[in-house]
């Protein structure tokens, strides 16, 4: 299968997945014990929404683009992680799952990220 997520980064499905991820991390962190985040298909950590692939589909505009100015408390951690990669009011970069996890984990937490495609694992 030749699937390239850069065409779909930040779309509706990505938003649902990443909001659930950020809420799970937040709930697990209510306890002081460290957590271990293990991702066997980590993919790319950062997507350029002005890159060729994202511009070709524009899917992110109906995903993260619709929520960018939201003040909904349940989206706070999600939007914080997106904002950490961007300056001002414009969205250019969208985090992949490993970047969401890195941004939201504490110093005592551990990340274990694996990716089959060597080039993707470097991004």
N, C-alpha and C. Protein backbone atom coordinates (compact mmCIF):
# COMPACT_ATOMS: atom_id res chain seq x y z
N UNK A 1 0.84 -1.18 0.00
CA UNK A 1 0.00 0.00 0.00
C UNK A 1 0.89 1.24 0.00
N UNK A 2 0.56 2.20 -0.81
CA UNK A 2 1.35 3.41 -0.94
C UNK A 2 0.56 4.60 -0.39
N UNK A 3 0.43 4.67 0.91
CA UNK A 3 -0.32 5.75 1.57
C UNK A 3 0.65 6.80 2.06
N UNK A 4 0.42 8.04 1.74
CA UNK A 4 1.24 9.15 2.21
C UNK A 4 0.34 10.10 2.98
N UNK A 5 0.57 10.17 4.28
CA UNK A 5 -0.31 10.94 5.17
C UNK A 5 -0.20 12.44 4.95
N UNK A 6 0.87 12.92 4.34
CA UNK A 6 1.05 14.36 4.13
C UNK A 6 -0.11 14.97 3.34
N UNK A 7 -0.80 14.16 2.54
CA UNK A 7 -1.96 14.66 1.80
C UNK A 7 -3.17 14.87 2.70
N UNK A 8 -3.19 14.23 3.86
CA UNK A 8 -4.37 14.23 4.73
C UNK A 8 -4.13 14.82 6.11
N UNK A 9 -2.92 15.28 6.38
CA UNK A 9 -2.57 15.79 7.72
C UNK A 9 -3.50 16.94 8.11
N UNK A 10 -4.00 16.86 9.33
CA UNK A 10 -4.86 17.91 9.86
C UNK A 10 -6.31 17.84 9.41
N UNK A 11 -6.68 16.78 8.68
CA UNK A 11 -8.07 16.69 8.22
C UNK A 11 -8.99 16.26 9.38
N UNK A 12 -10.28 16.10 9.09
CA UNK A 12 -11.26 15.78 10.14
C UNK A 12 -10.87 14.52 10.91
N UNK A 13 -10.48 13.47 10.22
CA UNK A 13 -10.12 12.22 10.89
C UNK A 13 -8.88 12.40 11.76
N UNK A 14 -7.92 13.16 11.28
CA UNK A 14 -6.71 13.44 12.06
C UNK A 14 -7.05 14.21 13.33
N UNK A 15 -7.94 15.18 13.21
CA UNK A 15 -8.36 15.97 14.37
C UNK A 15 -9.00 15.06 15.41
N UNK A 16 -9.92 14.19 14.99
CA UNK A 16 -10.57 13.28 15.94
C UNK A 16 -9.52 12.42 16.64
N UNK A 17 -8.62 11.83 15.87
CA UNK A 17 -7.57 10.97 16.43
C UNK A 17 -6.70 11.73 17.41
N UNK A 18 -6.29 12.94 17.06
CA UNK A 18 -5.37 13.69 17.91
C UNK A 18 -6.05 14.32 19.12
N UNK A 19 -7.31 14.67 19.01
CA UNK A 19 -8.04 15.16 20.20
C UNK A 19 -8.18 14.01 21.20
N UNK A 20 -8.52 12.82 20.73
CA UNK A 20 -8.61 11.66 21.62
C UNK A 20 -7.24 11.39 22.25
N UNK A 21 -6.18 11.44 21.46
CA UNK A 21 -4.83 11.22 21.99
C UNK A 21 -4.49 12.23 23.08
N UNK A 22 -4.73 13.51 22.83
CA UNK A 22 -4.38 14.53 23.82
C UNK A 22 -5.23 14.40 25.08
N UNK A 23 -6.48 14.02 24.94
CA UNK A 23 -7.34 13.82 26.12
C UNK A 23 -6.87 12.61 26.92
N UNK A 24 -6.48 11.53 26.24
CA UNK A 24 -5.96 10.34 26.94
C UNK A 24 -4.69 10.67 27.71
N UNK A 25 -3.78 11.40 27.09
CA UNK A 25 -2.55 11.79 27.78
C UNK A 25 -2.89 12.64 29.01
N UNK A 26 -3.78 13.60 28.85
CA UNK A 26 -4.16 14.47 29.98
C UNK A 26 -4.77 13.66 31.12
N UNK A 27 -5.63 12.71 30.80
CA UNK A 27 -6.26 11.90 31.85
C UNK A 27 -5.24 10.99 32.53
N UNK A 28 -4.33 10.41 31.77
CA UNK A 28 -3.30 9.56 32.37
C UNK A 28 -2.36 10.37 33.27
N UNK A 29 -2.18 11.62 32.96
CA UNK A 29 -1.28 12.46 33.75
C UNK A 29 -1.93 13.01 35.02
N UNK A 30 -3.16 12.67 35.27
CA UNK A 30 -3.78 13.07 36.54
C UNK A 30 -3.13 12.36 37.71
N UNK A 31 -2.51 11.23 37.43
CA UNK A 31 -1.74 10.52 38.45
C UNK A 31 -0.28 10.92 38.31
N UNK A 32 0.44 10.99 39.42
CA UNK A 32 1.84 11.43 39.33
C UNK A 32 2.79 10.39 38.71
N UNK A 33 2.35 9.15 38.65
CA UNK A 33 3.22 8.10 38.09
C UNK A 33 3.55 8.40 36.63
N UNK A 34 4.77 8.07 36.20
CA UNK A 34 5.13 8.30 34.80
C UNK A 34 4.33 7.39 33.87
N UNK A 35 4.15 7.85 32.65
CA UNK A 35 3.48 7.02 31.65
C UNK A 35 4.47 6.68 30.55
N UNK A 36 4.22 5.58 29.88
CA UNK A 36 5.02 5.18 28.73
C UNK A 36 4.13 5.27 27.50
N UNK A 37 4.53 6.06 26.55
CA UNK A 37 3.81 6.22 25.30
C UNK A 37 4.55 5.39 24.25
N UNK A 38 3.87 4.41 23.68
CA UNK A 38 4.48 3.53 22.69
C UNK A 38 3.69 3.63 21.39
N UNK A 39 4.39 3.98 20.32
CA UNK A 39 3.76 4.12 19.01
C UNK A 39 4.53 3.25 18.02
N UNK A 40 3.88 2.22 17.49
CA UNK A 40 4.54 1.29 16.58
C UNK A 40 4.51 1.76 15.13
N UNK A 41 3.73 2.79 14.84
CA UNK A 41 3.63 3.35 13.48
C UNK A 41 3.65 4.87 13.60
N UNK A 42 4.73 5.40 14.12
CA UNK A 42 4.80 6.81 14.51
C UNK A 42 4.63 7.78 13.34
N UNK A 43 5.14 7.45 12.18
CA UNK A 43 5.00 8.36 11.05
C UNK A 43 5.85 9.60 11.21
N UNK A 44 5.41 10.67 10.58
CA UNK A 44 6.12 11.94 10.58
C UNK A 44 5.68 12.78 11.76
N UNK A 45 6.62 13.49 12.37
CA UNK A 45 6.29 14.32 13.53
C UNK A 45 5.78 15.69 13.18
N UNK A 46 6.02 16.16 11.95
CA UNK A 46 5.66 17.52 11.58
C UNK A 46 5.27 17.58 10.11
N UNK A 47 4.12 18.17 9.84
CA UNK A 47 3.62 18.31 8.48
C UNK A 47 3.52 19.78 8.11
N UNK A 48 3.93 20.11 6.90
CA UNK A 48 3.85 21.47 6.39
C UNK A 48 2.53 21.61 5.62
N UNK A 49 1.61 22.38 6.16
CA UNK A 49 0.30 22.54 5.52
C UNK A 49 0.37 23.44 4.30
N UNK A 50 1.51 24.04 4.06
CA UNK A 50 1.73 24.81 2.83
C UNK A 50 2.61 24.03 1.85
N UNK A 51 2.87 22.76 2.19
CA UNK A 51 3.65 21.90 1.32
C UNK A 51 2.81 21.41 0.14
N UNK A 52 3.48 20.88 -0.85
CA UNK A 52 2.83 20.44 -2.08
C UNK A 52 1.67 19.47 -1.83
N UNK A 53 1.90 18.48 -0.97
CA UNK A 53 0.87 17.46 -0.73
C UNK A 53 -0.37 18.06 -0.07
N UNK A 54 -0.17 18.84 0.98
CA UNK A 54 -1.31 19.43 1.71
C UNK A 54 -2.06 20.43 0.84
N UNK A 55 -1.36 21.19 0.03
CA UNK A 55 -2.02 22.16 -0.85
C UNK A 55 -2.83 21.46 -1.94
N UNK A 56 -2.40 20.27 -2.31
CA UNK A 56 -3.10 19.53 -3.36
C UNK A 56 -4.52 19.16 -2.92
N UNK A 57 -4.69 18.78 -1.66
CA UNK A 57 -6.02 18.36 -1.18
C UNK A 57 -6.72 19.44 -0.36
N UNK A 58 -5.98 20.21 0.40
CA UNK A 58 -6.58 21.24 1.25
C UNK A 58 -7.46 20.68 2.36
N UNK A 59 -7.33 19.39 2.66
CA UNK A 59 -8.20 18.74 3.64
C UNK A 59 -8.10 19.35 5.03
N UNK A 60 -6.94 19.88 5.37
CA UNK A 60 -6.73 20.43 6.71
C UNK A 60 -7.68 21.60 7.00
N UNK A 61 -8.14 22.29 5.97
CA UNK A 61 -9.01 23.45 6.18
C UNK A 61 -10.34 23.05 6.80
N UNK A 62 -10.82 21.84 6.52
CA UNK A 62 -12.06 21.35 7.12
C UNK A 62 -11.81 20.56 8.39
N UNK A 63 -10.57 20.47 8.81
CA UNK A 63 -10.20 19.80 10.06
C UNK A 63 -9.71 20.81 11.06
N UNK A 64 -8.39 20.88 11.24
CA UNK A 64 -7.80 21.82 12.19
C UNK A 64 -8.13 23.26 11.83
N UNK A 65 -8.30 23.56 10.57
CA UNK A 65 -8.65 24.92 10.15
C UNK A 65 -9.95 25.41 10.76
N UNK A 66 -10.91 24.52 10.95
CA UNK A 66 -12.20 24.91 11.54
C UNK A 66 -12.13 25.08 13.05
N UNK A 67 -11.17 24.42 13.69
CA UNK A 67 -11.09 24.46 15.15
C UNK A 67 -10.05 25.44 15.68
N UNK A 68 -9.24 26.00 14.80
CA UNK A 68 -8.08 26.79 15.20
C UNK A 68 -8.43 27.90 16.19
N UNK A 69 -9.55 28.55 16.05
CA UNK A 69 -9.91 29.66 16.94
C UNK A 69 -10.88 29.23 18.06
N UNK A 70 -11.07 27.94 18.23
CA UNK A 70 -12.00 27.45 19.25
C UNK A 70 -11.49 27.74 20.67
N UNK A 71 -12.44 28.00 21.55
CA UNK A 71 -12.13 28.18 22.98
C UNK A 71 -12.68 27.03 23.81
N UNK A 72 -13.09 25.96 23.17
CA UNK A 72 -13.62 24.78 23.86
C UNK A 72 -12.54 24.19 24.76
N UNK A 73 -12.81 24.08 26.07
CA UNK A 73 -11.80 23.57 27.01
C UNK A 73 -11.28 22.17 26.67
N UNK A 74 -12.13 21.31 26.12
CA UNK A 74 -11.68 19.95 25.78
C UNK A 74 -10.65 19.94 24.64
N UNK A 75 -10.54 21.04 23.93
CA UNK A 75 -9.58 21.13 22.83
C UNK A 75 -8.30 21.86 23.23
N UNK A 76 -8.22 22.30 24.48
CA UNK A 76 -7.10 23.15 24.91
C UNK A 76 -5.74 22.49 24.70
N UNK A 77 -5.55 21.26 25.13
CA UNK A 77 -4.26 20.58 24.96
C UNK A 77 -3.94 20.35 23.49
N UNK A 78 -4.94 19.97 22.74
CA UNK A 78 -4.78 19.75 21.29
C UNK A 78 -4.32 21.04 20.62
N UNK A 79 -5.04 22.13 20.87
CA UNK A 79 -4.70 23.40 20.23
C UNK A 79 -3.38 23.97 20.74
N UNK A 80 -3.05 23.69 21.99
CA UNK A 80 -1.75 24.12 22.53
C UNK A 80 -0.62 23.48 21.73
N UNK A 81 -0.72 22.18 21.48
CA UNK A 81 0.33 21.48 20.74
C UNK A 81 0.45 22.00 19.31
N UNK A 82 -0.68 22.32 18.67
CA UNK A 82 -0.63 22.89 17.32
C UNK A 82 0.00 24.28 17.37
N UNK A 83 -0.40 25.08 18.34
CA UNK A 83 0.11 26.45 18.46
C UNK A 83 1.61 26.49 18.73
N UNK A 84 2.13 25.49 19.43
CA UNK A 84 3.56 25.44 19.72
C UNK A 84 4.42 25.43 18.46
N UNK A 85 3.86 24.98 17.36
CA UNK A 85 4.61 24.87 16.10
C UNK A 85 4.40 26.06 15.17
N UNK A 86 3.51 26.94 15.54
CA UNK A 86 3.12 28.03 14.65
C UNK A 86 3.27 29.37 15.34
N UNK A 87 3.49 30.39 14.54
CA UNK A 87 3.59 31.75 15.06
C UNK A 87 2.35 32.53 14.67
N UNK A 88 1.83 33.30 15.61
CA UNK A 88 0.68 34.15 15.31
C UNK A 88 -0.60 33.38 15.10
N UNK A 89 -1.46 33.93 14.26
CA UNK A 89 -2.79 33.37 14.05
C UNK A 89 -2.88 32.39 12.88
N UNK A 90 -1.82 32.24 12.15
CA UNK A 90 -1.84 31.38 10.97
C UNK A 90 -1.33 29.98 11.30
N UNK A 91 -1.95 28.99 10.67
CA UNK A 91 -1.48 27.61 10.82
C UNK A 91 -0.64 27.27 9.59
N UNK A 92 0.59 26.91 9.82
CA UNK A 92 1.44 26.44 8.72
C UNK A 92 1.84 24.99 8.96
N UNK A 93 2.14 24.67 10.21
CA UNK A 93 2.64 23.34 10.55
C UNK A 93 1.63 22.60 11.41
N UNK A 94 1.54 21.32 11.16
CA UNK A 94 0.62 20.46 11.92
C UNK A 94 1.42 19.30 12.51
N UNK A 95 1.28 19.07 13.82
CA UNK A 95 2.03 17.97 14.44
C UNK A 95 1.44 16.61 14.09
N UNK A 96 2.32 15.65 13.92
CA UNK A 96 1.89 14.26 13.83
C UNK A 96 1.76 13.71 15.24
N UNK A 97 1.29 12.49 15.37
CA UNK A 97 1.09 11.89 16.70
C UNK A 97 2.34 11.93 17.57
N UNK A 98 3.54 11.63 17.03
CA UNK A 98 4.71 11.68 17.91
C UNK A 98 4.99 13.07 18.46
N UNK A 99 4.70 14.11 17.68
CA UNK A 99 4.93 15.47 18.16
C UNK A 99 3.87 15.87 19.18
N UNK A 100 2.63 15.45 18.99
CA UNK A 100 1.61 15.69 20.02
C UNK A 100 2.06 15.06 21.33
N UNK A 101 2.51 13.82 21.28
CA UNK A 101 2.94 13.13 22.49
C UNK A 101 4.15 13.81 23.12
N UNK A 102 5.14 14.18 22.30
CA UNK A 102 6.34 14.84 22.82
C UNK A 102 5.98 16.17 23.50
N UNK A 103 5.10 16.91 22.88
CA UNK A 103 4.73 18.23 23.39
C UNK A 103 4.00 18.13 24.73
N UNK A 104 3.24 17.07 24.93
CA UNK A 104 2.37 16.99 26.11
C UNK A 104 2.89 16.09 27.22
N UNK A 105 3.94 15.31 26.96
CA UNK A 105 4.44 14.45 28.03
C UNK A 105 5.34 15.23 28.98
N UNK A 106 5.41 14.73 30.20
CA UNK A 106 6.21 15.36 31.25
C UNK A 106 7.62 14.77 31.25
N UNK A 107 8.49 15.35 32.04
CA UNK A 107 9.88 14.89 32.07
C UNK A 107 10.00 13.44 32.56
N UNK A 108 9.10 12.99 33.43
CA UNK A 108 9.16 11.62 33.93
C UNK A 108 8.52 10.60 32.98
N UNK A 109 7.80 11.07 31.98
CA UNK A 109 7.17 10.18 31.01
C UNK A 109 8.19 9.72 29.97
N UNK A 110 7.91 8.60 29.32
CA UNK A 110 8.82 8.05 28.32
C UNK A 110 8.09 7.86 26.99
N UNK A 111 8.78 8.23 25.92
CA UNK A 111 8.27 8.03 24.57
C UNK A 111 9.06 6.92 23.89
N UNK A 112 8.36 6.00 23.26
CA UNK A 112 8.97 4.93 22.47
C UNK A 112 8.32 4.98 21.09
N UNK A 113 9.04 5.52 20.11
CA UNK A 113 8.49 5.75 18.79
C UNK A 113 9.20 4.87 17.76
N UNK A 114 8.42 4.16 16.96
CA UNK A 114 8.96 3.30 15.91
C UNK A 114 8.30 3.65 14.59
N UNK A 115 9.09 3.65 13.53
CA UNK A 115 8.58 3.93 12.20
C UNK A 115 9.33 3.07 11.19
N UNK A 116 8.58 2.41 10.31
CA UNK A 116 9.16 1.52 9.32
C UNK A 116 9.92 2.28 8.23
N UNK A 117 9.42 3.43 7.83
CA UNK A 117 10.05 4.22 6.77
C UNK A 117 11.12 5.12 7.37
N UNK A 118 12.40 4.85 7.12
CA UNK A 118 13.48 5.63 7.73
C UNK A 118 13.38 7.13 7.49
N UNK A 119 13.00 7.54 6.29
CA UNK A 119 12.90 8.97 5.99
C UNK A 119 11.81 9.63 6.83
N UNK A 120 10.69 8.94 7.03
CA UNK A 120 9.61 9.50 7.84
C UNK A 120 10.01 9.61 9.30
N UNK A 121 10.76 8.65 9.78
CA UNK A 121 11.19 8.67 11.18
C UNK A 121 12.10 9.82 11.52
N UNK A 122 12.73 10.41 10.52
CA UNK A 122 13.63 11.54 10.75
C UNK A 122 12.89 12.87 10.83
N UNK A 123 11.66 12.92 10.35
CA UNK A 123 10.92 14.19 10.30
C UNK A 123 10.14 14.44 11.57
